N, C-alpha and C. Protein backbone atom coordinates (compact mmCIF):
# COMPACT_ATOMS: atom_id res chain seq x y z
N MET A 1 6.60 13.26 -10.10
CA MET A 1 6.19 12.45 -11.23
C MET A 1 7.20 12.67 -12.35
N SER A 2 7.43 11.60 -13.05
CA SER A 2 8.38 11.61 -14.15
C SER A 2 7.71 10.96 -15.35
N SER A 3 8.36 10.93 -16.46
CA SER A 3 7.82 10.26 -17.65
C SER A 3 8.85 9.30 -18.20
N THR A 4 8.36 8.27 -18.83
CA THR A 4 9.23 7.34 -19.54
C THR A 4 8.62 7.11 -20.91
N PHE A 5 9.39 6.56 -21.81
CA PHE A 5 8.88 6.33 -23.15
C PHE A 5 8.46 4.88 -23.30
N GLY A 6 7.29 4.69 -23.86
CA GLY A 6 6.77 3.35 -24.10
C GLY A 6 6.78 3.05 -25.58
N PRO A 7 6.02 2.02 -25.97
CA PRO A 7 5.92 1.68 -27.39
C PRO A 7 5.47 2.89 -28.21
N GLU A 8 5.99 2.99 -29.38
CA GLU A 8 5.64 4.06 -30.31
C GLU A 8 5.97 5.44 -29.75
N ASN A 9 6.96 5.51 -28.85
CA ASN A 9 7.41 6.77 -28.25
C ASN A 9 6.31 7.54 -27.52
N LEU A 10 5.33 6.83 -26.98
CA LEU A 10 4.31 7.48 -26.16
C LEU A 10 4.88 7.73 -24.78
N GLN A 11 4.61 8.90 -24.25
CA GLN A 11 5.06 9.18 -22.89
C GLN A 11 4.06 8.60 -21.91
N ILE A 12 4.59 7.94 -20.89
CA ILE A 12 3.77 7.32 -19.86
C ILE A 12 4.13 7.99 -18.53
N PRO A 13 3.16 8.58 -17.85
CA PRO A 13 3.49 9.18 -16.55
C PRO A 13 3.84 8.07 -15.55
N VAL A 14 4.91 8.29 -14.82
CA VAL A 14 5.36 7.32 -13.83
C VAL A 14 5.71 8.04 -12.53
N VAL A 15 5.81 7.26 -11.48
CA VAL A 15 6.33 7.73 -10.20
C VAL A 15 7.67 7.04 -10.00
N VAL A 16 8.65 7.79 -9.58
CA VAL A 16 9.95 7.21 -9.23
C VAL A 16 10.12 7.39 -7.73
N LYS A 17 10.21 6.26 -7.04
CA LYS A 17 10.40 6.28 -5.59
C LYS A 17 11.84 5.89 -5.31
N LEU A 18 12.55 6.75 -4.58
CA LEU A 18 13.92 6.46 -4.20
C LEU A 18 13.91 5.88 -2.79
N VAL A 19 14.53 4.72 -2.64
CA VAL A 19 14.51 4.00 -1.37
C VAL A 19 15.93 3.71 -0.92
N ASN A 20 16.23 4.12 0.27
CA ASN A 20 17.52 3.85 0.90
C ASN A 20 17.26 2.80 1.97
N GLY A 21 17.23 1.56 1.62
CA GLY A 21 16.93 0.49 2.57
C GLY A 21 16.04 -0.54 1.93
N PRO A 22 15.41 -1.36 2.75
CA PRO A 22 14.59 -2.44 2.18
C PRO A 22 13.33 -1.93 1.49
N TYR A 23 12.88 -2.69 0.53
CA TYR A 23 11.63 -2.42 -0.18
C TYR A 23 11.05 -3.77 -0.59
N GLY A 24 9.78 -3.97 -0.34
CA GLY A 24 9.12 -5.25 -0.63
C GLY A 24 8.75 -5.39 -2.10
N GLU A 25 9.76 -5.49 -2.93
CA GLU A 25 9.55 -5.58 -4.37
C GLU A 25 8.66 -6.77 -4.74
N GLU A 26 8.90 -7.93 -4.13
CA GLU A 26 8.09 -9.12 -4.43
C GLU A 26 6.62 -8.90 -4.06
N VAL A 27 6.40 -8.26 -2.92
CA VAL A 27 5.03 -7.99 -2.47
C VAL A 27 4.36 -7.00 -3.41
N HIS A 28 5.08 -5.96 -3.79
CA HIS A 28 4.55 -4.97 -4.73
C HIS A 28 4.16 -5.66 -6.04
N GLN A 29 5.05 -6.49 -6.57
CA GLN A 29 4.77 -7.18 -7.84
C GLN A 29 3.58 -8.12 -7.71
N LEU A 30 3.49 -8.85 -6.60
CA LEU A 30 2.37 -9.76 -6.38
C LEU A 30 1.04 -9.00 -6.42
N LEU A 31 0.95 -7.93 -5.64
CA LEU A 31 -0.30 -7.18 -5.60
C LEU A 31 -0.58 -6.51 -6.94
N ALA A 32 0.44 -6.04 -7.62
CA ALA A 32 0.25 -5.42 -8.94
C ALA A 32 -0.31 -6.44 -9.94
N ARG A 33 0.17 -7.67 -9.89
CA ARG A 33 -0.35 -8.72 -10.79
C ARG A 33 -1.84 -8.97 -10.57
N HIS A 34 -2.31 -8.70 -9.38
CA HIS A 34 -3.73 -8.87 -9.05
C HIS A 34 -4.51 -7.56 -9.15
N GLY A 35 -3.88 -6.52 -9.69
CA GLY A 35 -4.54 -5.22 -9.84
C GLY A 35 -4.73 -4.49 -8.53
N LEU A 36 -3.96 -4.86 -7.50
CA LEU A 36 -4.13 -4.30 -6.16
C LEU A 36 -2.99 -3.37 -5.75
N ALA A 37 -2.14 -3.02 -6.69
CA ALA A 37 -1.04 -2.07 -6.47
C ALA A 37 -0.70 -1.46 -7.83
N PRO A 38 -0.09 -0.29 -7.82
CA PRO A 38 0.36 0.27 -9.10
C PRO A 38 1.36 -0.69 -9.76
N THR A 39 1.33 -0.73 -11.08
CA THR A 39 2.28 -1.57 -11.81
C THR A 39 3.71 -1.11 -11.49
N LEU A 40 4.56 -2.08 -11.17
CA LEU A 40 5.97 -1.78 -10.94
C LEU A 40 6.71 -2.08 -12.23
N TYR A 41 7.15 -1.04 -12.91
CA TYR A 41 7.80 -1.20 -14.21
C TYR A 41 9.23 -1.70 -14.09
N GLY A 42 9.90 -1.35 -13.03
CA GLY A 42 11.27 -1.79 -12.86
C GLY A 42 11.97 -1.01 -11.77
N CYS A 43 13.25 -1.30 -11.62
CA CYS A 43 14.03 -0.59 -10.62
C CYS A 43 15.47 -0.46 -11.10
N ALA A 44 16.16 0.49 -10.53
CA ALA A 44 17.56 0.72 -10.88
C ALA A 44 18.38 0.72 -9.60
N HIS A 45 19.32 -0.23 -9.52
CA HIS A 45 20.20 -0.36 -8.36
C HIS A 45 21.59 0.15 -8.76
N PHE A 46 22.08 1.12 -8.04
CA PHE A 46 23.44 1.62 -8.26
C PHE A 46 24.16 1.64 -6.92
N LYS A 47 25.41 1.31 -6.94
CA LYS A 47 26.20 1.25 -5.73
C LYS A 47 26.24 2.62 -5.04
N CYS A 48 26.02 2.61 -3.73
CA CYS A 48 26.12 3.81 -2.88
C CYS A 48 25.07 4.87 -3.17
N THR A 49 23.95 4.49 -3.77
CA THR A 49 22.85 5.43 -4.02
C THR A 49 21.54 4.74 -3.69
N PRO A 50 20.49 5.51 -3.46
CA PRO A 50 19.18 4.89 -3.23
C PRO A 50 18.75 4.10 -4.47
N THR A 51 17.96 3.08 -4.25
CA THR A 51 17.38 2.32 -5.36
C THR A 51 16.17 3.08 -5.88
N ALA A 52 16.06 3.19 -7.18
CA ALA A 52 14.92 3.87 -7.82
C ALA A 52 13.92 2.82 -8.28
N TYR A 53 12.69 2.92 -7.78
CA TYR A 53 11.60 2.05 -8.20
C TYR A 53 10.68 2.86 -9.09
N ILE A 54 10.46 2.37 -10.31
CA ILE A 54 9.66 3.09 -11.29
C ILE A 54 8.32 2.39 -11.38
N MET A 55 7.26 3.13 -11.10
CA MET A 55 5.94 2.52 -11.05
C MET A 55 4.89 3.40 -11.71
N GLU A 56 3.75 2.78 -11.93
CA GLU A 56 2.58 3.44 -12.52
C GLU A 56 2.18 4.66 -11.69
N HIS A 57 1.88 5.73 -12.38
CA HIS A 57 1.31 6.91 -11.73
C HIS A 57 -0.21 6.75 -11.72
N LEU A 58 -0.82 6.82 -10.55
CA LEU A 58 -2.28 6.74 -10.46
C LEU A 58 -2.84 8.13 -10.74
N ASN A 59 -3.78 8.20 -11.66
CA ASN A 59 -4.31 9.51 -12.07
C ASN A 59 -5.09 10.19 -10.94
N GLY A 60 -5.56 11.37 -11.21
CA GLY A 60 -6.23 12.18 -10.20
C GLY A 60 -7.52 11.63 -9.65
N ASP A 61 -8.07 10.58 -10.26
CA ASP A 61 -9.29 9.96 -9.73
C ASP A 61 -9.00 9.14 -8.47
N TRP A 62 -7.76 8.78 -8.25
CA TRP A 62 -7.37 7.99 -7.09
C TRP A 62 -7.11 8.93 -5.91
N VAL A 63 -7.64 8.58 -4.75
CA VAL A 63 -7.40 9.37 -3.54
C VAL A 63 -6.96 8.43 -2.42
N MET A 64 -6.26 8.99 -1.46
CA MET A 64 -5.84 8.22 -0.31
C MET A 64 -7.08 7.77 0.47
N LEU A 65 -7.12 6.52 0.86
CA LEU A 65 -8.27 5.99 1.60
C LEU A 65 -8.53 6.80 2.85
N PHE A 66 -7.49 7.24 3.54
CA PHE A 66 -7.66 8.05 4.74
C PHE A 66 -8.54 9.27 4.44
N ASP A 67 -8.27 9.95 3.34
CA ASP A 67 -9.05 11.13 2.95
C ASP A 67 -10.45 10.74 2.49
N PHE A 68 -10.55 9.67 1.74
CA PHE A 68 -11.85 9.22 1.22
C PHE A 68 -12.81 8.89 2.36
N LEU A 69 -12.32 8.24 3.41
CA LEU A 69 -13.19 7.85 4.52
C LEU A 69 -13.76 9.05 5.28
N GLN A 70 -13.16 10.22 5.10
CA GLN A 70 -13.65 11.42 5.77
C GLN A 70 -14.81 12.08 5.02
N ARG A 71 -15.11 11.58 3.84
CA ARG A 71 -16.16 12.17 3.01
C ARG A 71 -17.49 11.47 3.27
N GLU A 72 -18.54 12.26 3.28
CA GLU A 72 -19.89 11.73 3.48
C GLU A 72 -20.23 10.66 2.44
N LEU A 73 -19.81 10.88 1.21
CA LEU A 73 -20.16 9.95 0.13
C LEU A 73 -19.47 8.59 0.26
N SER A 74 -18.55 8.44 1.18
CA SER A 74 -17.80 7.19 1.30
C SER A 74 -18.59 6.07 1.98
N ARG A 75 -19.58 6.42 2.80
CA ARG A 75 -20.28 5.42 3.61
C ARG A 75 -20.82 4.23 2.84
N PRO A 76 -21.48 4.42 1.71
CA PRO A 76 -22.01 3.24 1.00
C PRO A 76 -20.93 2.27 0.54
N PHE A 77 -19.70 2.73 0.48
CA PHE A 77 -18.61 1.89 -0.02
C PHE A 77 -17.85 1.17 1.10
N TYR A 78 -18.20 1.44 2.36
CA TYR A 78 -17.49 0.81 3.48
C TYR A 78 -17.41 -0.71 3.35
N PRO A 79 -18.54 -1.41 3.13
CA PRO A 79 -18.45 -2.89 3.07
C PRO A 79 -17.55 -3.39 1.94
N THR A 80 -17.65 -2.78 0.77
CA THR A 80 -16.83 -3.21 -0.36
C THR A 80 -15.35 -2.95 -0.10
N ILE A 81 -15.05 -1.79 0.43
CA ILE A 81 -13.65 -1.45 0.71
C ILE A 81 -13.09 -2.37 1.79
N ARG A 82 -13.85 -2.59 2.85
CA ARG A 82 -13.37 -3.48 3.92
C ARG A 82 -13.11 -4.88 3.37
N HIS A 83 -14.02 -5.38 2.56
CA HIS A 83 -13.85 -6.70 1.96
C HIS A 83 -12.59 -6.74 1.09
N SER A 84 -12.37 -5.70 0.30
CA SER A 84 -11.18 -5.64 -0.55
C SER A 84 -9.90 -5.62 0.28
N LEU A 85 -9.92 -4.87 1.38
CA LEU A 85 -8.75 -4.82 2.27
C LEU A 85 -8.46 -6.19 2.88
N GLU A 86 -9.52 -6.87 3.29
CA GLU A 86 -9.35 -8.22 3.84
C GLU A 86 -8.85 -9.19 2.77
N ASP A 87 -9.29 -9.00 1.53
CA ASP A 87 -8.79 -9.83 0.43
C ASP A 87 -7.29 -9.63 0.23
N VAL A 88 -6.83 -8.39 0.33
CA VAL A 88 -5.40 -8.11 0.20
C VAL A 88 -4.63 -8.84 1.30
N VAL A 89 -5.09 -8.70 2.54
CA VAL A 89 -4.42 -9.36 3.66
C VAL A 89 -4.42 -10.87 3.46
N GLY A 90 -5.55 -11.42 3.01
CA GLY A 90 -5.63 -12.86 2.76
C GLY A 90 -4.70 -13.33 1.67
N LEU A 91 -4.63 -12.58 0.58
CA LEU A 91 -3.73 -12.92 -0.52
C LEU A 91 -2.28 -12.92 -0.04
N LEU A 92 -1.91 -11.87 0.68
CA LEU A 92 -0.54 -11.79 1.19
C LEU A 92 -0.24 -12.97 2.12
N LYS A 93 -1.17 -13.25 3.01
CA LYS A 93 -0.96 -14.36 3.95
C LYS A 93 -0.81 -15.69 3.21
N ASN A 94 -1.68 -15.93 2.24
CA ASN A 94 -1.62 -17.18 1.47
C ASN A 94 -0.31 -17.33 0.69
N GLU A 95 0.27 -16.20 0.29
CA GLU A 95 1.52 -16.23 -0.46
C GLU A 95 2.75 -16.11 0.44
N GLY A 96 2.52 -16.04 1.76
CA GLY A 96 3.63 -15.97 2.71
C GLY A 96 4.26 -14.60 2.86
N PHE A 97 3.46 -13.55 2.67
CA PHE A 97 3.97 -12.19 2.75
C PHE A 97 3.16 -11.35 3.73
N ILE A 98 3.72 -10.20 4.07
CA ILE A 98 3.04 -9.17 4.85
C ILE A 98 3.34 -7.81 4.21
N HIS A 99 2.44 -6.87 4.43
CA HIS A 99 2.70 -5.49 3.99
C HIS A 99 3.47 -4.75 5.07
N GLY A 100 3.06 -4.92 6.32
CA GLY A 100 3.79 -4.35 7.45
C GLY A 100 3.36 -2.96 7.87
N ASP A 101 2.80 -2.19 6.97
CA ASP A 101 2.37 -0.81 7.27
C ASP A 101 1.01 -0.58 6.62
N PHE A 102 0.08 -1.46 6.95
CA PHE A 102 -1.22 -1.51 6.28
C PHE A 102 -2.19 -0.50 6.89
N ARG A 103 -1.89 0.78 6.68
CA ARG A 103 -2.73 1.87 7.17
C ARG A 103 -3.51 2.48 6.01
N SER A 104 -4.53 3.26 6.34
CA SER A 104 -5.36 3.89 5.31
C SER A 104 -4.57 4.89 4.47
N SER A 105 -3.48 5.39 4.99
CA SER A 105 -2.65 6.31 4.21
C SER A 105 -1.81 5.58 3.17
N ASN A 106 -1.79 4.25 3.23
CA ASN A 106 -1.04 3.45 2.26
C ASN A 106 -1.96 2.66 1.33
N VAL A 107 -3.20 3.12 1.25
CA VAL A 107 -4.18 2.52 0.34
C VAL A 107 -4.81 3.65 -0.46
N MET A 108 -4.87 3.47 -1.76
CA MET A 108 -5.53 4.43 -2.63
C MET A 108 -6.87 3.84 -3.05
N VAL A 109 -7.86 4.71 -3.25
CA VAL A 109 -9.19 4.24 -3.66
C VAL A 109 -9.66 5.08 -4.84
N GLN A 110 -10.40 4.42 -5.71
CA GLN A 110 -11.00 5.07 -6.87
C GLN A 110 -12.43 4.55 -6.99
N ILE A 111 -13.36 5.45 -7.23
CA ILE A 111 -14.73 5.05 -7.53
C ILE A 111 -14.88 5.12 -9.03
N HIS A 112 -15.13 3.96 -9.63
CA HIS A 112 -15.24 3.86 -11.08
C HIS A 112 -16.54 3.13 -11.41
N GLU A 113 -17.43 3.81 -12.13
CA GLU A 113 -18.72 3.25 -12.51
C GLU A 113 -19.46 2.69 -11.29
N GLY A 114 -19.41 3.44 -10.19
CA GLY A 114 -20.13 3.07 -8.98
C GLY A 114 -19.48 1.99 -8.13
N ASN A 115 -18.27 1.58 -8.49
CA ASN A 115 -17.57 0.55 -7.73
C ASN A 115 -16.28 1.11 -7.13
N ALA A 116 -16.01 0.70 -5.89
CA ALA A 116 -14.77 1.10 -5.23
C ALA A 116 -13.66 0.12 -5.59
N GLN A 117 -12.54 0.67 -6.04
CA GLN A 117 -11.35 -0.14 -6.33
C GLN A 117 -10.23 0.38 -5.45
N ILE A 118 -9.37 -0.53 -4.99
CA ILE A 118 -8.25 -0.11 -4.15
C ILE A 118 -6.92 -0.54 -4.76
N LYS A 119 -5.89 0.21 -4.40
CA LYS A 119 -4.51 -0.16 -4.73
C LYS A 119 -3.66 0.18 -3.51
N VAL A 120 -2.82 -0.75 -3.13
CA VAL A 120 -1.94 -0.58 -1.98
C VAL A 120 -0.63 0.05 -2.45
N ILE A 121 -0.09 0.94 -1.63
CA ILE A 121 1.18 1.59 -1.93
C ILE A 121 2.12 1.46 -0.73
N ASP A 122 3.33 1.91 -0.88
CA ASP A 122 4.34 2.00 0.18
C ASP A 122 4.72 0.63 0.74
N PHE A 123 5.69 0.02 0.10
CA PHE A 123 6.10 -1.35 0.44
C PHE A 123 7.44 -1.39 1.19
N ASP A 124 7.75 -0.32 1.90
CA ASP A 124 9.04 -0.24 2.61
C ASP A 124 9.17 -1.28 3.72
N TRP A 125 8.06 -1.70 4.31
CA TRP A 125 8.10 -2.68 5.40
C TRP A 125 7.57 -4.04 4.94
N ALA A 126 7.36 -4.23 3.68
CA ALA A 126 6.76 -5.46 3.17
C ALA A 126 7.81 -6.56 2.99
N GLY A 127 7.35 -7.79 3.15
CA GLY A 127 8.25 -8.93 2.96
C GLY A 127 7.70 -10.18 3.60
N LYS A 128 8.57 -11.01 4.11
CA LYS A 128 8.20 -12.27 4.76
C LYS A 128 8.04 -12.03 6.26
N PRO A 129 6.98 -12.58 6.87
CA PRO A 129 6.82 -12.44 8.32
C PRO A 129 8.06 -12.95 9.05
N GLY A 130 8.46 -12.23 10.07
CA GLY A 130 9.62 -12.62 10.86
C GLY A 130 10.95 -12.17 10.28
N GLN A 131 10.96 -11.77 9.01
CA GLN A 131 12.20 -11.31 8.38
C GLN A 131 12.24 -9.79 8.23
N ILE A 132 11.11 -9.15 8.51
CA ILE A 132 10.99 -7.70 8.43
C ILE A 132 10.69 -7.19 9.84
N SER A 133 11.26 -6.05 10.18
CA SER A 133 11.06 -5.49 11.52
C SER A 133 10.45 -4.10 11.44
N TYR A 134 9.74 -3.75 12.51
CA TYR A 134 9.25 -2.38 12.62
C TYR A 134 10.45 -1.44 12.73
N SER A 135 10.27 -0.23 12.23
CA SER A 135 11.37 0.73 12.25
C SER A 135 11.71 1.13 13.68
N ALA A 136 12.87 1.72 13.83
CA ALA A 136 13.33 2.15 15.14
C ALA A 136 12.42 3.23 15.71
N VAL A 137 11.89 4.05 14.83
CA VAL A 137 11.02 5.15 15.26
C VAL A 137 9.71 5.04 14.49
N HIS A 138 8.62 4.89 15.22
CA HIS A 138 7.31 5.00 14.57
C HIS A 138 6.32 5.57 15.56
N ASN A 139 5.28 6.15 15.05
CA ASN A 139 4.28 6.85 15.83
C ASN A 139 3.48 5.85 16.66
N ILE A 140 3.62 5.91 17.98
CA ILE A 140 2.94 4.94 18.84
C ILE A 140 1.43 5.16 18.89
N THR A 141 0.96 6.33 18.47
CA THR A 141 -0.49 6.57 18.47
C THR A 141 -1.19 5.85 17.32
N ILE A 142 -0.44 5.33 16.36
CA ILE A 142 -1.04 4.66 15.21
C ILE A 142 -1.62 3.31 15.60
N GLY A 143 -1.03 2.64 16.56
CA GLY A 143 -1.54 1.33 16.96
C GLY A 143 -0.85 0.17 16.28
N PHE A 144 0.41 0.36 15.89
CA PHE A 144 1.15 -0.76 15.32
C PHE A 144 1.16 -1.91 16.33
N PRO A 145 0.98 -3.14 15.87
CA PRO A 145 0.95 -4.28 16.78
C PRO A 145 2.28 -4.54 17.49
N GLY A 146 3.39 -4.08 16.93
CA GLY A 146 4.70 -4.33 17.54
C GLY A 146 5.40 -3.05 17.94
N LYS A 147 6.44 -3.23 18.72
CA LYS A 147 7.27 -2.12 19.16
C LYS A 147 8.41 -1.92 18.16
N PRO A 148 9.12 -0.78 18.28
CA PRO A 148 10.28 -0.60 17.41
C PRO A 148 11.23 -1.80 17.48
N TYR A 149 11.71 -2.21 16.34
CA TYR A 149 12.63 -3.33 16.14
C TYR A 149 11.97 -4.71 16.25
N ASP A 150 10.71 -4.80 16.69
CA ASP A 150 10.04 -6.11 16.73
C ASP A 150 9.88 -6.65 15.32
N SER A 151 9.94 -7.97 15.19
CA SER A 151 9.64 -8.60 13.90
C SER A 151 8.17 -8.40 13.59
N ILE A 152 7.87 -8.17 12.33
CA ILE A 152 6.48 -8.04 11.91
C ILE A 152 5.95 -9.44 11.64
N ARG A 153 4.84 -9.77 12.30
CA ARG A 153 4.27 -11.12 12.22
C ARG A 153 3.18 -11.19 11.15
N ALA A 154 2.85 -12.41 10.76
CA ALA A 154 1.85 -12.64 9.71
C ALA A 154 0.50 -12.01 10.05
N GLU A 155 0.12 -12.02 11.30
CA GLU A 155 -1.20 -11.49 11.69
C GLU A 155 -1.22 -9.98 11.88
N ASP A 156 -0.08 -9.33 11.80
CA ASP A 156 -0.02 -7.89 12.10
C ASP A 156 -0.77 -7.02 11.10
N ASP A 157 -0.83 -7.40 9.83
CA ASP A 157 -1.57 -6.59 8.86
C ASP A 157 -3.04 -6.50 9.23
N LEU A 158 -3.65 -7.63 9.56
CA LEU A 158 -5.07 -7.63 9.93
C LEU A 158 -5.28 -6.92 11.26
N THR A 159 -4.38 -7.12 12.21
CA THR A 159 -4.47 -6.43 13.50
C THR A 159 -4.42 -4.92 13.31
N LEU A 160 -3.52 -4.46 12.47
CA LEU A 160 -3.41 -3.02 12.20
C LEU A 160 -4.65 -2.51 11.49
N LEU A 161 -5.14 -3.25 10.50
CA LEU A 161 -6.37 -2.88 9.80
C LEU A 161 -7.52 -2.73 10.80
N ASP A 162 -7.69 -3.71 11.67
CA ASP A 162 -8.76 -3.65 12.66
C ASP A 162 -8.60 -2.45 13.60
N SER A 163 -7.37 -2.06 13.88
CA SER A 163 -7.14 -0.96 14.83
C SER A 163 -7.57 0.39 14.28
N TRP A 164 -7.51 0.58 12.98
CA TRP A 164 -7.88 1.90 12.44
C TRP A 164 -9.21 1.91 11.72
N TRP A 165 -9.71 0.79 11.25
CA TRP A 165 -10.90 0.77 10.40
C TRP A 165 -12.10 1.45 11.05
N GLU A 166 -12.54 0.95 12.19
CA GLU A 166 -13.74 1.52 12.81
C GLU A 166 -13.53 2.96 13.22
N LYS A 167 -12.38 3.27 13.76
CA LYS A 167 -12.10 4.63 14.20
C LYS A 167 -12.17 5.61 13.03
N GLU A 168 -11.57 5.26 11.91
CA GLU A 168 -11.55 6.18 10.77
C GLU A 168 -12.89 6.23 10.05
N CYS A 169 -13.62 5.13 10.03
CA CYS A 169 -14.96 5.15 9.42
C CYS A 169 -15.92 5.93 10.30
N LEU A 170 -15.81 5.77 11.59
CA LEU A 170 -16.71 6.47 12.50
C LEU A 170 -16.52 7.97 12.48
N THR A 171 -15.31 8.43 12.18
CA THR A 171 -15.09 9.88 12.18
C THR A 171 -15.83 10.56 11.04
N SER A 172 -16.25 9.78 10.04
CA SER A 172 -16.95 10.41 8.92
C SER A 172 -18.47 10.31 9.06
N ILE A 173 -18.93 9.68 10.13
CA ILE A 173 -20.39 9.53 10.31
C ILE A 173 -20.94 10.70 11.10
């Protein structure tokens, strides 16, 4: 975590992600505009160095969805969270984008005033369907719809969501 200065010299906690390769900046910005990703404040591109993406730091109330689903208290929120995840996939599809790595470890959740809110993170594989490919090496036990180097298709986000949702929810019951 790092800090930057905002209006009136207030320090704002930020996260700086260094990326050596593609990053779905457009997808990140789209979801952030809808409150579904941390705000992306900007990025710094320098020749021969990783690109630095500066984004909102989510406070300690936010937890990884993977961890949240393992808690007994998460069960009442399953329908709301699932609906929110499907809304994200639908929004991306309607705008012609994919996340590409739509796993529970790339979704943060916060319970605020009895409501579950989500924010998607990690946009390294995000972009336009058919223009983004699965990495050369990925864990085959995860259930990615494609093989290494395959193009990521429009339907792959929902397919991946379906592959882990019941399994991860059931482990907490």
